[in-house]
Amino acid sequence: MRRNSVRDRFIKKREEGSGAEEKIRFRDLYVRPPKEKKPGKIYGLLFVALCVAGFGFLLRKDAEDRTEQIPGTELTEIITEKAVEEKPEVTIPSYSQNPGQAQVVYDRYEINSIVYEVRGAAAYVVGTVGNSKNVKYLTVEQTVLFTYPVVEICEDAFRDCTKLLKIHIPDSVIILGERAFYNCERLEKVRLSENLVTVGKQAFAGCSSLQTIAVPSSVKELTADVFEGDTSLLRVTIPESCRIPAGEDPFGLGPLLILEWY
């Protein structure tokens, strides 16, 4: 009876409208009245979304206005047009054939006792470090800074290097200047470039210890005084296409010299 009276009291209170969060217990079951919907929360979220969208629009508009104010379009077109222009062909002049440019200072590099001078797109051998005459073994580099090919051994580059015994010239060299090895009296062995084209006057004059030398097939002409004074020279290997001065003894070295044609 008491249990029924408690239930009747709760039901009565609910009917009278007392307490918005009242619970009704019937056997082990609790019943909560449904919550009322609050439309104010939805409107608040909508307002925040509109504010964010408006702020984003203002930022985008400001960025567009700044872009229009930068006067870089015409300059970009000019740079692009210059970039697509064809590069002119690079010609490598002979160092010795440009005496008027000798007064200009170029970049110089000292590598293994040899002085190189970079002019334009190529490098040139101009001498030894400190004009040293005591070097015995030399190897000419094929490139300087892995970029500039060594194309010429200039005139008088190794002149009077009286201690020099052997030298290796890479295939990048195409010009051997006048008196390049003049008076290298102890020079015994020379490895010439396979792409050598020009051998200057008296290039090996006074190399009294030089006995044999092979002229590459790329050389088309030798002057009479290239080996002047090379009294120990016994054999010169020359290509058939190479022109030499007319005469029975073109090098003026006597009957011991043998010219071997190939």
Protein backbone atom coordinates (compact mmCIF):
# COMPACT_ATOMS: atom_id res chain seq x y z
CA MET A 1 0.00 0.00 0.00
CA ARG A 2 2.85 2.33 0.80
CA ARG A 3 4.46 1.76 -2.56
CA ASN A 4 1.28 2.75 -4.35
CA SER A 5 0.99 5.89 -2.27
CA VAL A 6 4.53 7.04 -3.28
CA ARG A 7 3.72 6.54 -6.93
CA ASP A 8 0.44 8.34 -6.62
CA ARG A 9 2.27 11.29 -4.98
CA PHE A 10 4.78 11.61 -7.84
CA ILE A 11 2.07 11.39 -10.43
CA LYS A 12 0.12 14.03 -8.66
CA LYS A 13 3.07 16.38 -8.50
CA ARG A 14 3.74 15.98 -12.21
CA GLU A 15 0.13 16.70 -13.10
CA GLU A 16 0.32 19.82 -10.98
CA GLY A 17 3.46 20.92 -13.01
CA SER A 18 5.92 21.04 -10.14
CA GLY A 19 9.68 20.60 -11.18
CA ALA A 20 10.92 20.60 -14.77
CA GLU A 21 13.50 17.87 -14.06
CA GLU A 22 11.23 15.53 -12.11
CA LYS A 23 11.65 11.83 -12.55
CA ILE A 24 9.02 9.22 -12.23
CA ARG A 25 10.08 5.91 -10.88
CA PHE A 26 8.00 2.91 -11.66
CA ARG A 27 9.61 -0.35 -10.72
CA ASP A 28 13.23 0.26 -11.67
CA LEU A 29 12.43 2.59 -14.58
CA TYR A 30 13.21 6.34 -14.61
CA VAL A 31 11.45 8.59 -17.07
CA ARG A 32 12.96 12.07 -17.96
CA PRO A 33 10.80 14.56 -19.76
CA PRO A 34 12.12 15.59 -23.19
CA LYS A 35 14.34 18.69 -23.33
CA GLU A 36 13.08 21.73 -25.01
CA LYS A 37 14.88 22.77 -28.23
CA LYS A 38 16.87 25.98 -28.01
CA PRO A 39 16.87 27.78 -31.39
CA GLY A 40 19.34 30.41 -30.10
CA LYS A 41 22.29 27.97 -30.30
CA ILE A 42 21.70 27.23 -34.01
CA TYR A 43 21.58 30.93 -34.83
CA GLY A 44 24.85 31.46 -32.96
CA LEU A 45 26.66 28.83 -35.02
CA LEU A 46 25.28 30.32 -38.22
CA PHE A 47 26.55 33.76 -37.23
CA VAL A 48 30.09 32.43 -36.55
CA ALA A 49 30.17 30.65 -39.93
CA LEU A 50 29.15 33.84 -41.73
CA CYS A 51 31.86 35.81 -39.93
CA VAL A 52 34.58 33.30 -40.92
CA ALA A 53 33.45 33.30 -44.57
CA GLY A 54 33.43 37.11 -44.70
CA PHE A 55 36.92 37.34 -43.18
CA GLY A 56 38.27 34.85 -45.75
CA PHE A 57 36.72 36.85 -48.60
CA LEU A 58 38.36 40.06 -47.36
CA LEU A 59 41.79 38.39 -47.15
CA ARG A 60 41.50 37.02 -50.71
CA LYS A 61 40.42 40.40 -52.05
CA ASP A 62 43.37 42.13 -50.36
CA ALA A 63 45.83 39.62 -51.89
CA GLU A 64 44.40 40.20 -55.38
CA ASP A 65 44.74 43.97 -54.99
CA ARG A 66 48.40 43.64 -53.94
CA THR A 67 49.17 41.42 -56.97
CA GLU A 68 47.70 43.99 -59.35
CA GLN A 69 49.96 46.69 -57.87
CA ILE A 70 53.24 44.79 -58.66
CA PRO A 71 54.55 46.01 -62.08
CA GLY A 72 56.44 42.83 -62.97
CA THR A 73 54.57 41.38 -65.92
CA GLU A 74 56.34 43.29 -68.67
CA LEU A 75 59.76 42.66 -67.10
CA THR A 76 59.07 38.93 -66.91
CA GLU A 77 58.15 38.84 -70.62
CA ILE A 78 61.39 40.64 -71.56
CA ILE A 79 63.52 38.22 -69.51
CA THR A 80 61.74 35.24 -71.09
CA GLU A 81 62.36 36.56 -74.60
CA LYS A 82 66.08 36.99 -73.87
CA ALA A 83 66.32 33.50 -72.44
CA VAL A 84 65.04 31.84 -75.60
CA GLU A 85 67.52 33.65 -77.83
CA GLU A 86 70.05 31.35 -79.47
CA LYS A 87 73.53 31.42 -77.95
CA PRO A 88 76.31 32.44 -80.34
CA GLU A 89 78.89 29.85 -81.27
CA VAL A 90 81.99 29.95 -79.10
CA THR A 91 85.29 30.22 -80.99
CA ILE A 92 88.57 29.52 -79.26
CA PRO A 93 91.27 31.93 -80.50
CA SER A 94 94.96 31.25 -80.26
CA TYR A 95 96.62 33.02 -77.36
CA SER A 96 99.67 33.85 -79.49
CA GLN A 97 97.57 35.31 -82.31
CA ASN A 98 96.02 37.93 -80.02
CA PRO A 99 98.96 40.01 -78.76
CA GLY A 100 96.71 43.04 -78.33
CA GLN A 101 94.86 41.24 -75.53
CA ALA A 102 98.01 40.48 -73.56
CA GLN A 103 97.55 43.65 -71.48
CA VAL A 104 94.23 42.44 -70.11
CA VAL A 105 94.36 40.64 -66.75
CA TYR A 106 92.71 37.19 -66.80
CA ASP A 107 92.07 34.63 -64.10
CA ARG A 108 95.18 32.61 -63.34
CA TYR A 109 95.45 29.23 -61.61
CA GLU A 110 98.54 27.40 -60.41
CA ILE A 111 98.19 23.62 -60.59
CA ASN A 112 101.09 21.23 -60.02
CA SER A 113 103.82 23.78 -60.90
CA ILE A 114 102.02 24.91 -64.09
CA VAL A 115 100.33 28.30 -64.52
CA TYR A 116 97.03 28.33 -66.45
CA GLU A 117 95.21 31.39 -67.70
CA VAL A 118 91.45 31.27 -68.33
CA ARG A 119 90.33 33.42 -71.22
CA GLY A 120 86.69 33.16 -72.29
CA ALA A 121 85.64 29.54 -72.64
CA ALA A 122 89.13 27.98 -72.64
CA ALA A 123 92.34 27.76 -70.62
CA TYR A 124 95.93 28.29 -71.75
CA VAL A 125 99.29 27.16 -70.35
CA VAL A 126 101.42 30.28 -69.93
CA GLY A 127 104.36 29.07 -67.84
CA THR A 128 105.55 27.50 -64.62
CA VAL A 129 104.99 28.63 -61.04
CA GLY A 130 107.46 31.37 -60.19
CA ASN A 131 109.11 30.79 -63.57
CA SER A 132 110.71 27.73 -62.01
CA LYS A 133 113.26 26.03 -64.24
CA ASN A 134 113.87 23.11 -61.87
CA VAL A 135 110.74 20.99 -62.52
CA LYS A 136 111.50 17.50 -63.87
CA TYR A 137 108.15 15.85 -64.56
CA LEU A 138 105.04 17.69 -65.70
CA THR A 139 101.52 16.70 -66.68
CA VAL A 140 99.34 19.31 -68.34
CA GLU A 141 95.75 19.26 -67.07
CA GLN A 142 92.97 18.53 -69.55
CA THR A 143 90.61 21.03 -67.90
CA VAL A 144 90.80 23.80 -65.34
CA LEU A 145 88.12 23.77 -62.63
CA PHE A 146 86.51 20.85 -64.52
CA THR A 147 85.02 23.47 -66.88
CA TYR A 148 87.61 25.13 -69.12
CA PRO A 149 89.46 22.87 -71.59
CA VAL A 150 93.20 23.49 -71.93
CA VAL A 151 93.58 24.20 -75.65
CA GLU A 152 97.02 25.74 -76.04
CA ILE A 153 100.54 25.69 -74.67
CA CYS A 154 101.53 29.27 -75.31
CA GLU A 155 104.79 30.53 -76.75
CA ASP A 156 107.80 30.32 -74.42
CA ALA A 157 105.62 28.53 -71.83
CA PHE A 158 108.37 26.04 -70.82
CA ARG A 159 111.33 27.84 -72.33
CA ASP A 160 114.68 27.21 -70.58
CA CYS A 161 113.23 24.55 -68.24
CA THR A 162 116.64 22.89 -68.31
CA LYS A 163 115.74 20.27 -65.67
CA LEU A 164 112.60 19.03 -67.43
CA LEU A 165 112.81 15.34 -68.37
CA LYS A 166 109.27 14.28 -69.32
CA ILE A 167 105.95 15.98 -70.07
CA HIS A 168 102.47 14.67 -70.87
CA ILE A 169 100.22 16.81 -73.08
CA PRO A 170 96.48 15.90 -73.05
CA ASP A 171 94.31 15.50 -76.14
CA SER A 172 92.49 18.76 -75.42
CA VAL A 173 95.52 20.78 -76.61
CA ILE A 174 95.27 21.83 -80.26
CA ILE A 175 98.02 24.48 -80.45
CA LEU A 176 101.68 24.29 -79.49
CA GLY A 177 103.08 27.82 -79.48
CA GLU A 178 106.41 29.04 -80.79
CA ARG A 179 109.42 28.11 -78.64
CA ALA A 180 107.11 26.28 -76.22
CA PHE A 181 109.98 23.92 -75.19
CA TYR A 182 112.89 26.00 -76.41
CA ASN A 183 116.23 25.01 -74.86
CA CYS A 184 114.80 22.22 -72.66
CA GLU A 185 118.14 20.51 -73.01
CA ARG A 186 117.35 17.51 -70.78
CA LEU A 187 113.91 16.76 -72.23
CA GLU A 188 113.84 13.08 -73.21
CA LYS A 189 110.20 12.13 -73.68
CA VAL A 190 107.15 14.05 -74.92
CA ARG A 191 103.65 12.72 -75.30
CA LEU A 192 101.86 15.00 -77.79
CA SER A 193 98.12 15.55 -78.03
CA GLU A 194 96.28 13.35 -80.56
CA ASN A 195 94.27 16.41 -81.59
CA LEU A 196 97.23 18.72 -82.07
CA VAL A 197 96.84 20.90 -85.19
CA THR A 198 99.50 23.60 -85.03
CA VAL A 199 103.15 23.29 -84.00
CA GLY A 200 104.84 26.68 -83.76
CA LYS A 201 108.31 27.61 -84.95
CA GLN A 202 111.21 26.28 -82.88
CA ALA A 203 108.73 24.53 -80.59
CA PHE A 204 111.37 21.88 -79.68
CA ALA A 205 114.52 23.75 -80.74
CA GLY A 206 117.47 23.19 -78.46
CA CYS A 207 116.07 19.97 -76.94
CA SER A 208 119.42 18.26 -77.31
CA SER A 209 118.43 15.15 -75.31
CA LEU A 210 115.28 14.38 -77.30
CA GLN A 211 115.77 11.18 -79.33
CA THR A 212 112.33 10.17 -80.65
CA ILE A 213 108.98 11.87 -81.13
CA ALA A 214 105.69 10.90 -82.82
CA VAL A 215 103.75 13.61 -84.63
CA PRO A 216 99.97 12.96 -84.55
CA SER A 217 98.01 12.65 -87.79
CA SER A 218 96.07 15.85 -87.03
CA VAL A 219 99.19 17.97 -87.71
CA LYS A 220 99.22 19.07 -91.37
CA GLU A 221 102.46 21.06 -91.49
CA LEU A 222 105.86 21.30 -89.77
CA THR A 223 108.38 24.08 -90.28
CA ALA A 224 112.07 23.40 -90.84
CA ASP A 225 113.20 24.76 -87.48
CA VAL A 226 110.79 22.86 -85.21
CA PHE A 227 113.58 20.51 -84.09
CA GLU A 228 116.48 22.88 -84.71
CA GLY A 229 119.58 21.95 -82.71
CA ASP A 230 118.17 18.59 -81.50
CA THR A 231 121.43 16.77 -82.08
CA SER A 232 120.31 13.55 -80.38
CA LEU A 233 117.12 13.16 -82.40
CA LEU A 234 117.17 9.81 -84.22
CA ARG A 235 113.58 9.11 -85.24
CA VAL A 236 110.57 11.27 -86.07
CA THR A 237 107.28 9.55 -86.87
CA ILE A 238 105.24 11.71 -89.25
CA PRO A 239 101.84 11.17 -90.94
CA GLU A 240 101.78 11.09 -94.74
CA SER A 241 99.34 14.01 -94.80
CA CYS A 242 101.82 16.29 -93.02
CA ARG A 243 103.67 18.78 -95.23
CA ILE A 244 107.33 19.49 -94.44
CA PRO A 245 109.84 21.80 -96.15
CA ALA A 246 111.32 20.45 -99.36
CA GLY A 247 114.87 19.12 -99.32
CA GLU A 248 116.92 16.01 -98.57
CA ASP A 249 117.34 16.94 -94.89
CA PRO A 250 114.30 18.99 -93.90
CA PHE A 251 115.26 19.20 -90.23
CA GLY A 252 118.96 19.90 -90.80
CA LEU A 253 120.10 17.20 -88.40
CA GLY A 254 122.33 15.06 -90.54
CA PRO A 255 122.12 11.51 -91.88
CA LEU A 256 121.38 9.85 -88.52
CA LEU A 257 117.80 11.14 -88.44
CA ILE A 258 115.15 8.67 -89.66
CA LEU A 259 111.77 9.97 -90.83
CA GLU A 260 109.16 7.28 -90.37
CA TRP A 261 105.98 7.89 -92.36
CA TYR A 262 102.63 6.35 -91.52
